[in-house]
Every structure is written in C-alpha cells, then in structure tokens.
Amino acid sequence: MATHAYIKLVPASKQKTITLEEVKQLFQYYRDILSKTGEQLGWRYEQAAFPYQLVETDEGKGKWFYLKGDGHRYRAIIVGVGTHAETNGESEQSFIQITLPNEATYGDKGKANEFCKFLAKKLEGELHLFNGKVMYFCKR
C-alpha cells in the first residue's frame, strides 16, 4: 500500500502557493548543495545522498513527477503538487505530496523523509510525515 507525506503551505509560510517547476528548482538546489559538500569532502557525495533521476511523464505533466532510483537500494519516490479547500471553505491551501509506491524500499522512505524535511524547512511549511506525525517549520 502506498504511503504519503504532505508539506502544507500555511499562512505563516514563505509563500502561499507552489508550482511543480518551483519544486523541481528546490530539488536542483538540493543537488547543488550536495555537490558542493562533495567538493569539500573530495568525493562524489551527491551520488550517495541523491541517488535519483528526476523523470516527468506526459500523463503527470504539470501535476507530478517521480524520482527514479538506481534500482538496487532505491527504487522510486513520487512528488506532486495540489490545492485543497481549507476548513472554512473560503480559501485554498497549497501542498506538496510525497508518495512512496508499493515497491519503495526502506532506503526510499529514509530519503523521502530527508527530502520532506528539506522542503518543509525551505518553505517554512507544516510537514505531515508518513507515520502521521506533524512537524512545524513555520513561525507559530
């Protein structure tokens, strides 16, 4: 059974809405800082810390993409964006959804948690983890 984590953009977040392109830019930024860490360490840290390739299909264009793993320890993570009506029904709340498909490994879950925390921290959002717990990275 697939499991999901959500980064919700709350009123205290840095931004109120997010697009899939912005999420891709954040993943590229994540890769850039990992490669700089690797340069400082003198080895290819980026390959170990981000063992995925970003793949966008025609059916998911603009709504979701997936991170394809190396096939051995890492298989796939699906990343999507969306909105839903808040409880008062007057406004919409944007979110990023991270999904672990059925074939995901424990390595995928660890990396997905890492990515979720990174995204939530950068956006100052509210992170709903795979286990149902909530982490607040926004000012309260």
N, C-alpha and C. Protein backbone atom coordinates (compact mmCIF):
# COMPACT_ATOMS: atom_id res chain seq x y z
N MET A 1 0.84 -1.18 0.00
CA MET A 1 0.00 0.00 0.00
C MET A 1 0.88 1.25 0.00
N ALA A 2 0.59 2.17 -0.87
CA ALA A 2 1.36 3.41 -0.97
C ALA A 2 1.14 4.27 0.27
N THR A 3 2.19 4.96 0.68
CA THR A 3 2.08 5.88 1.81
C THR A 3 2.41 7.29 1.34
N HIS A 4 1.89 8.27 2.07
CA HIS A 4 2.01 9.66 1.65
C HIS A 4 2.50 10.54 2.79
N ALA A 5 3.23 11.59 2.42
CA ALA A 5 3.60 12.67 3.33
C ALA A 5 3.22 13.97 2.62
N TYR A 6 2.90 14.99 3.40
CA TYR A 6 2.46 16.26 2.83
C TYR A 6 3.23 17.40 3.45
N ILE A 7 3.58 18.38 2.62
CA ILE A 7 4.10 19.66 3.11
C ILE A 7 3.01 20.67 2.77
N LYS A 8 2.34 21.17 3.80
CA LYS A 8 1.26 22.13 3.59
C LYS A 8 1.80 23.54 3.75
N LEU A 9 1.41 24.42 2.84
CA LEU A 9 1.82 25.81 2.91
C LEU A 9 0.74 26.57 3.68
N VAL A 10 1.07 26.94 4.89
CA VAL A 10 0.14 27.60 5.80
C VAL A 10 0.30 29.11 5.67
N PRO A 11 -0.59 29.92 6.28
CA PRO A 11 -0.46 31.37 6.18
C PRO A 11 0.90 31.92 6.64
N ALA A 12 1.58 31.23 7.55
CA ALA A 12 2.88 31.70 8.03
C ALA A 12 4.05 31.24 7.15
N SER A 13 3.78 30.50 6.09
CA SER A 13 4.83 30.00 5.20
C SER A 13 5.43 31.14 4.39
N LYS A 14 6.61 30.89 3.81
CA LYS A 14 7.27 31.89 2.97
C LYS A 14 6.45 32.24 1.74
N GLN A 15 5.75 31.26 1.20
CA GLN A 15 4.88 31.51 0.06
C GLN A 15 3.58 30.75 0.25
N LYS A 16 2.54 31.22 -0.40
CA LYS A 16 1.21 30.64 -0.20
C LYS A 16 0.87 29.57 -1.23
N THR A 17 1.48 29.65 -2.41
CA THR A 17 1.23 28.67 -3.46
C THR A 17 2.56 28.15 -3.98
N ILE A 18 2.52 27.00 -4.64
CA ILE A 18 3.74 26.44 -5.23
C ILE A 18 3.37 25.68 -6.49
N THR A 19 4.28 25.75 -7.45
CA THR A 19 4.09 25.02 -8.71
C THR A 19 5.08 23.86 -8.76
N LEU A 20 4.85 22.97 -9.69
CA LEU A 20 5.75 21.83 -9.85
C LEU A 20 7.14 22.29 -10.28
N GLU A 21 7.20 23.35 -11.09
CA GLU A 21 8.50 23.88 -11.52
C GLU A 21 9.30 24.41 -10.33
N GLU A 22 8.62 25.04 -9.39
CA GLU A 22 9.31 25.54 -8.19
C GLU A 22 9.84 24.38 -7.35
N VAL A 23 9.09 23.29 -7.28
CA VAL A 23 9.55 22.11 -6.54
C VAL A 23 10.78 21.52 -7.23
N LYS A 24 10.76 21.47 -8.57
CA LYS A 24 11.92 20.98 -9.32
C LYS A 24 13.15 21.86 -9.04
N GLN A 25 12.93 23.18 -8.98
CA GLN A 25 14.04 24.09 -8.69
C GLN A 25 14.60 23.84 -7.29
N LEU A 26 13.73 23.53 -6.33
CA LEU A 26 14.19 23.22 -4.98
C LEU A 26 14.99 21.92 -4.96
N PHE A 27 14.58 20.93 -5.75
CA PHE A 27 15.36 19.69 -5.84
C PHE A 27 16.71 19.94 -6.50
N GLN A 28 16.73 20.83 -7.51
CA GLN A 28 18.00 21.17 -8.15
C GLN A 28 18.92 21.89 -7.17
N TYR A 29 18.35 22.79 -6.37
CA TYR A 29 19.12 23.48 -5.33
C TYR A 29 19.68 22.46 -4.33
N TYR A 30 18.87 21.48 -3.96
CA TYR A 30 19.29 20.42 -3.04
C TYR A 30 20.48 19.66 -3.62
N ARG A 31 20.40 19.32 -4.91
CA ARG A 31 21.51 18.62 -5.57
C ARG A 31 22.76 19.49 -5.61
N ASP A 32 22.59 20.79 -5.87
CA ASP A 32 23.73 21.71 -5.92
C ASP A 32 24.46 21.78 -4.59
N ILE A 33 23.71 21.89 -3.49
CA ILE A 33 24.39 21.98 -2.19
C ILE A 33 25.05 20.65 -1.83
N LEU A 34 24.48 19.54 -2.29
CA LEU A 34 25.12 18.24 -2.04
C LEU A 34 26.41 18.11 -2.84
N SER A 35 26.42 18.62 -4.07
CA SER A 35 27.65 18.53 -4.87
C SER A 35 28.73 19.43 -4.29
N LYS A 36 28.35 20.57 -3.73
CA LYS A 36 29.34 21.45 -3.08
C LYS A 36 29.91 20.78 -1.84
N THR A 37 29.06 20.08 -1.11
CA THR A 37 29.55 19.32 0.05
C THR A 37 30.53 18.26 -0.41
N GLY A 38 30.22 17.60 -1.53
CA GLY A 38 31.12 16.59 -2.08
C GLY A 38 32.46 17.16 -2.49
N GLU A 39 32.45 18.37 -3.07
CA GLU A 39 33.71 19.02 -3.43
C GLU A 39 34.57 19.27 -2.20
N GLN A 40 33.93 19.71 -1.13
CA GLN A 40 34.67 19.97 0.11
C GLN A 40 35.23 18.68 0.70
N LEU A 41 34.49 17.58 0.56
CA LEU A 41 34.93 16.31 1.11
C LEU A 41 35.89 15.57 0.18
N GLY A 42 35.88 15.93 -1.09
CA GLY A 42 36.77 15.30 -2.04
C GLY A 42 36.25 13.99 -2.61
N TRP A 43 34.95 13.77 -2.59
CA TRP A 43 34.37 12.59 -3.22
C TRP A 43 32.96 12.90 -3.71
N ARG A 44 32.36 12.01 -4.47
CA ARG A 44 31.06 12.25 -5.10
C ARG A 44 29.92 12.00 -4.11
N TYR A 45 29.79 12.89 -3.17
CA TYR A 45 28.77 12.78 -2.14
C TYR A 45 27.36 12.89 -2.73
N GLU A 46 27.21 13.67 -3.79
CA GLU A 46 25.90 13.88 -4.40
C GLU A 46 25.28 12.55 -4.85
N GLN A 47 26.10 11.65 -5.42
CA GLN A 47 25.58 10.36 -5.88
C GLN A 47 25.05 9.52 -4.73
N ALA A 48 25.71 9.58 -3.59
CA ALA A 48 25.27 8.79 -2.44
C ALA A 48 24.07 9.44 -1.75
N ALA A 49 24.05 10.76 -1.69
CA ALA A 49 22.99 11.46 -0.97
C ALA A 49 21.73 11.66 -1.81
N PHE A 50 21.86 11.67 -3.14
CA PHE A 50 20.70 11.85 -4.01
C PHE A 50 20.79 10.85 -5.16
N PRO A 51 20.48 9.57 -4.90
CA PRO A 51 20.63 8.52 -5.92
C PRO A 51 19.43 8.40 -6.86
N TYR A 52 18.89 9.53 -7.29
CA TYR A 52 17.67 9.53 -8.11
C TYR A 52 17.85 10.39 -9.35
N GLN A 53 17.06 10.07 -10.36
CA GLN A 53 16.94 10.89 -11.55
C GLN A 53 15.51 11.41 -11.60
N LEU A 54 15.35 12.68 -11.90
CA LEU A 54 14.03 13.28 -11.98
C LEU A 54 13.42 12.93 -13.34
N VAL A 55 12.24 12.29 -13.33
CA VAL A 55 11.57 11.86 -14.55
C VAL A 55 10.15 12.43 -14.55
N GLU A 56 9.79 13.12 -15.65
CA GLU A 56 8.43 13.62 -15.78
C GLU A 56 7.77 12.94 -16.97
N THR A 57 6.60 12.37 -16.75
CA THR A 57 5.87 11.69 -17.81
C THR A 57 4.84 12.63 -18.43
N ASP A 58 4.32 12.26 -19.60
CA ASP A 58 3.29 13.07 -20.25
C ASP A 58 2.01 13.13 -19.43
N GLU A 59 1.64 12.01 -18.81
CA GLU A 59 0.39 11.98 -18.03
C GLU A 59 0.47 12.80 -16.75
N GLY A 60 1.66 13.00 -16.21
CA GLY A 60 1.80 13.77 -14.99
C GLY A 60 2.29 15.18 -15.19
N LYS A 61 2.43 15.60 -16.44
CA LYS A 61 3.00 16.91 -16.75
C LYS A 61 2.26 18.03 -16.02
N GLY A 62 3.00 18.80 -15.24
CA GLY A 62 2.44 19.92 -14.51
C GLY A 62 1.81 19.55 -13.18
N LYS A 63 1.61 18.25 -12.92
CA LYS A 63 0.97 17.83 -11.67
C LYS A 63 1.89 17.00 -10.78
N TRP A 64 2.70 16.11 -11.40
CA TRP A 64 3.59 15.27 -10.61
C TRP A 64 4.76 14.78 -11.45
N PHE A 65 5.80 14.38 -10.78
CA PHE A 65 6.94 13.72 -11.41
C PHE A 65 7.42 12.66 -10.45
N TYR A 66 8.32 11.82 -10.91
CA TYR A 66 8.86 10.84 -9.98
C TYR A 66 10.37 10.84 -10.01
N LEU A 67 10.92 10.44 -8.90
CA LEU A 67 12.36 10.31 -8.74
C LEU A 67 12.67 8.84 -8.91
N LYS A 68 13.38 8.51 -9.97
CA LYS A 68 13.71 7.12 -10.28
C LYS A 68 15.04 6.79 -9.63
N GLY A 69 15.04 5.76 -8.79
CA GLY A 69 16.24 5.35 -8.07
C GLY A 69 17.16 4.50 -8.91
N ASP A 70 18.26 4.09 -8.31
CA ASP A 70 19.26 3.28 -9.01
C ASP A 70 18.83 1.83 -9.18
N GLY A 71 17.70 1.43 -8.60
CA GLY A 71 17.17 0.09 -8.79
C GLY A 71 17.60 -0.92 -7.75
N HIS A 72 18.69 -0.66 -7.07
CA HIS A 72 19.17 -1.62 -6.08
C HIS A 72 18.61 -1.29 -4.70
N ARG A 73 19.11 -0.24 -4.09
CA ARG A 73 18.64 0.15 -2.76
C ARG A 73 17.54 1.20 -2.82
N TYR A 74 17.43 1.87 -3.96
CA TYR A 74 16.44 2.93 -4.11
C TYR A 74 15.66 2.68 -5.40
N ARG A 75 14.33 2.79 -5.32
CA ARG A 75 13.51 2.49 -6.50
C ARG A 75 12.78 3.72 -7.02
N ALA A 76 11.86 4.30 -6.21
CA ALA A 76 11.09 5.43 -6.72
C ALA A 76 10.42 6.21 -5.60
N ILE A 77 10.27 7.51 -5.84
CA ILE A 77 9.51 8.42 -4.98
C ILE A 77 8.70 9.30 -5.93
N ILE A 78 7.43 9.48 -5.65
CA ILE A 78 6.56 10.31 -6.49
C ILE A 78 6.32 11.64 -5.78
N VAL A 79 6.46 12.74 -6.52
CA VAL A 79 6.29 14.08 -5.96
C VAL A 79 5.24 14.81 -6.77
N GLY A 80 4.24 15.37 -6.09
CA GLY A 80 3.18 16.10 -6.77
C GLY A 80 2.78 17.35 -6.00
N VAL A 81 2.07 18.23 -6.66
CA VAL A 81 1.56 19.44 -6.01
C VAL A 81 0.06 19.52 -6.22
N GLY A 82 -0.60 20.25 -5.34
CA GLY A 82 -2.05 20.41 -5.45
C GLY A 82 -2.56 21.44 -4.47
N THR A 83 -3.87 21.62 -4.47
CA THR A 83 -4.53 22.51 -3.53
C THR A 83 -5.78 21.82 -3.00
N HIS A 84 -6.19 22.23 -1.82
CA HIS A 84 -7.46 21.75 -1.28
C HIS A 84 -8.08 22.88 -0.47
N ALA A 85 -9.40 22.85 -0.34
CA ALA A 85 -10.11 23.90 0.38
C ALA A 85 -9.84 23.78 1.87
N GLU A 86 -9.62 24.92 2.51
CA GLU A 86 -9.42 24.91 3.96
C GLU A 86 -10.75 24.64 4.65
N THR A 87 -10.68 24.43 5.97
CA THR A 87 -11.88 24.06 6.72
C THR A 87 -12.97 25.13 6.66
N ASN A 88 -12.56 26.40 6.54
CA ASN A 88 -13.57 27.46 6.46
C ASN A 88 -14.20 27.54 5.07
N GLY A 89 -13.60 26.86 4.09
CA GLY A 89 -14.16 26.80 2.75
C GLY A 89 -13.95 28.04 1.91
N GLU A 90 -13.35 29.09 2.48
CA GLU A 90 -13.19 30.34 1.75
C GLU A 90 -11.90 30.42 0.96
N SER A 91 -10.86 29.75 1.41
CA SER A 91 -9.58 29.84 0.72
C SER A 91 -9.02 28.45 0.45
N GLU A 92 -8.04 28.41 -0.44
CA GLU A 92 -7.40 27.15 -0.77
C GLU A 92 -6.00 27.11 -0.19
N GLN A 93 -5.56 25.91 0.16
CA GLN A 93 -4.24 25.71 0.73
C GLN A 93 -3.43 24.84 -0.22
N SER A 94 -2.25 25.31 -0.59
CA SER A 94 -1.38 24.53 -1.47
C SER A 94 -0.60 23.52 -0.66
N PHE A 95 -0.23 22.42 -1.31
CA PHE A 95 0.57 21.39 -0.65
C PHE A 95 1.45 20.68 -1.65
N ILE A 96 2.49 20.05 -1.12
CA ILE A 96 3.34 19.15 -1.89
C ILE A 96 3.10 17.77 -1.32
N GLN A 97 2.84 16.81 -2.18
CA GLN A 97 2.60 15.44 -1.74
C GLN A 97 3.77 14.57 -2.16
N ILE A 98 4.35 13.85 -1.22
CA ILE A 98 5.41 12.89 -1.48
C ILE A 98 4.81 11.51 -1.27
N THR A 99 4.86 10.66 -2.29
CA THR A 99 4.26 9.33 -2.22
C THR A 99 5.32 8.26 -2.40
N LEU A 100 5.26 7.27 -1.53
CA LEU A 100 6.10 6.08 -1.67
C LEU A 100 5.24 4.98 -2.27
N PRO A 101 5.52 4.54 -3.50
CA PRO A 101 4.72 3.47 -4.10
C PRO A 101 4.96 2.14 -3.40
N ASN A 102 4.18 1.15 -3.74
CA ASN A 102 4.28 -0.17 -3.10
C ASN A 102 5.67 -0.78 -3.19
N GLU A 103 6.37 -0.57 -4.30
CA GLU A 103 7.69 -1.17 -4.48
C GLU A 103 8.82 -0.38 -3.82
N ALA A 104 8.51 0.69 -3.10
CA ALA A 104 9.53 1.51 -2.45
C ALA A 104 10.26 0.70 -1.37
N THR A 105 11.54 1.01 -1.20
CA THR A 105 12.36 0.33 -0.20
C THR A 105 12.47 1.18 1.06
N TYR A 106 13.10 0.62 2.09
CA TYR A 106 13.35 1.40 3.30
C TYR A 106 14.29 2.56 3.01
N GLY A 107 15.18 2.37 2.05
CA GLY A 107 16.07 3.45 1.63
C GLY A 107 15.29 4.60 1.04
N ASP A 108 14.27 4.29 0.23
CA ASP A 108 13.41 5.32 -0.34
C ASP A 108 12.69 6.10 0.76
N LYS A 109 12.22 5.39 1.77
CA LYS A 109 11.50 6.05 2.86
C LYS A 109 12.42 7.00 3.62
N GLY A 110 13.66 6.57 3.86
CA GLY A 110 14.62 7.43 4.54
C GLY A 110 14.93 8.68 3.73
N LYS A 111 15.17 8.50 2.43
CA LYS A 111 15.45 9.65 1.55
C LYS A 111 14.22 10.56 1.44
N ALA A 112 13.03 9.97 1.35
CA ALA A 112 11.81 10.77 1.26
C ALA A 112 11.61 11.61 2.51
N ASN A 113 11.87 11.04 3.68
CA ASN A 113 11.79 11.82 4.92
C ASN A 113 12.79 12.98 4.90
N GLU A 114 13.99 12.70 4.42
CA GLU A 114 15.03 13.72 4.32
C GLU A 114 14.59 14.85 3.38
N PHE A 115 14.06 14.50 2.21
CA PHE A 115 13.59 15.49 1.25
C PHE A 115 12.43 16.30 1.81
N CYS A 116 11.49 15.62 2.48
CA CYS A 116 10.34 16.30 3.07
C CYS A 116 10.79 17.35 4.07
N LYS A 117 11.72 16.99 4.92
CA LYS A 117 12.21 17.94 5.93
C LYS A 117 12.91 19.11 5.26
N PHE A 118 13.69 18.84 4.22
CA PHE A 118 14.37 19.91 3.49
C PHE A 118 13.35 20.87 2.88
N LEU A 119 12.35 20.32 2.17
CA LEU A 119 11.34 21.16 1.52
C LEU A 119 10.54 21.97 2.55
N ALA A 120 10.12 21.32 3.62
CA ALA A 120 9.33 22.00 4.65
C ALA A 120 10.14 23.11 5.31
N LYS A 121 11.41 22.88 5.52
CA LYS A 121 12.26 23.89 6.14
C LYS A 121 12.46 25.08 5.21
N LYS A 122 12.71 24.81 3.92
CA LYS A 122 12.91 25.90 2.95
C LYS A 122 11.65 26.74 2.78
N LEU A 123 10.49 26.09 2.79
CA LEU A 123 9.23 26.79 2.55
C LEU A 123 8.55 27.25 3.84
N GLU A 124 9.12 26.86 4.97
CA GLU A 124 8.53 27.14 6.29
C GLU A 124 7.08 26.63 6.33
N GLY A 125 6.93 25.37 5.98
CA GLY A 125 5.60 24.76 5.92
C GLY A 125 5.33 23.84 7.09
N GLU A 126 4.22 23.16 6.99
CA GLU A 126 3.77 22.21 8.00
C GLU A 126 3.92 20.81 7.39
N LEU A 127 4.77 19.99 7.97
CA LEU A 127 5.09 18.68 7.42
C LEU A 127 4.30 17.59 8.11
N HIS A 128 3.51 16.87 7.33
CA HIS A 128 2.76 15.71 7.82
C HIS A 128 3.51 14.47 7.33
N LEU A 129 4.20 13.80 8.24
CA LEU A 129 5.07 12.68 7.89
C LEU A 129 4.29 11.42 7.52
N PHE A 130 5.01 10.43 7.01
CA PHE A 130 4.41 9.16 6.61
C PHE A 130 3.76 8.44 7.79
N ASN A 131 4.28 8.65 8.99
CA ASN A 131 3.74 7.96 10.17
C ASN A 131 2.60 8.73 10.84
N GLY A 132 2.17 9.84 10.23
CA GLY A 132 1.06 10.61 10.77
C GLY A 132 1.45 11.74 11.70
N LYS A 133 2.70 11.80 12.09
CA LYS A 133 3.14 12.88 12.97
C LYS A 133 3.31 14.17 12.17
N VAL A 134 3.24 15.30 12.88
CA VAL A 134 3.33 16.61 12.23
C VAL A 134 4.53 17.35 12.78
N MET A 135 5.31 17.94 11.87
CA MET A 135 6.44 18.79 12.25
C MET A 135 6.14 20.19 11.71
N TYR A 136 6.33 21.19 12.55
CA TYR A 136 6.05 22.57 12.15
C TYR A 136 7.37 23.29 11.90
N PHE A 137 7.55 23.76 10.68
CA PHE A 137 8.72 24.55 10.33
C PHE A 137 8.35 26.00 10.12
N CYS A 138 7.07 26.33 10.35
CA CYS A 138 6.60 27.70 10.20
C CYS A 138 6.63 28.40 11.55
N LYS A 139 6.66 29.73 11.47
CA LYS A 139 6.62 30.52 12.70
C LYS A 139 5.22 30.41 13.28
N ARG A 140 5.15 30.12 14.58
CA ARG A 140 3.84 29.92 15.21
C ARG A 140 3.58 30.97 16.24
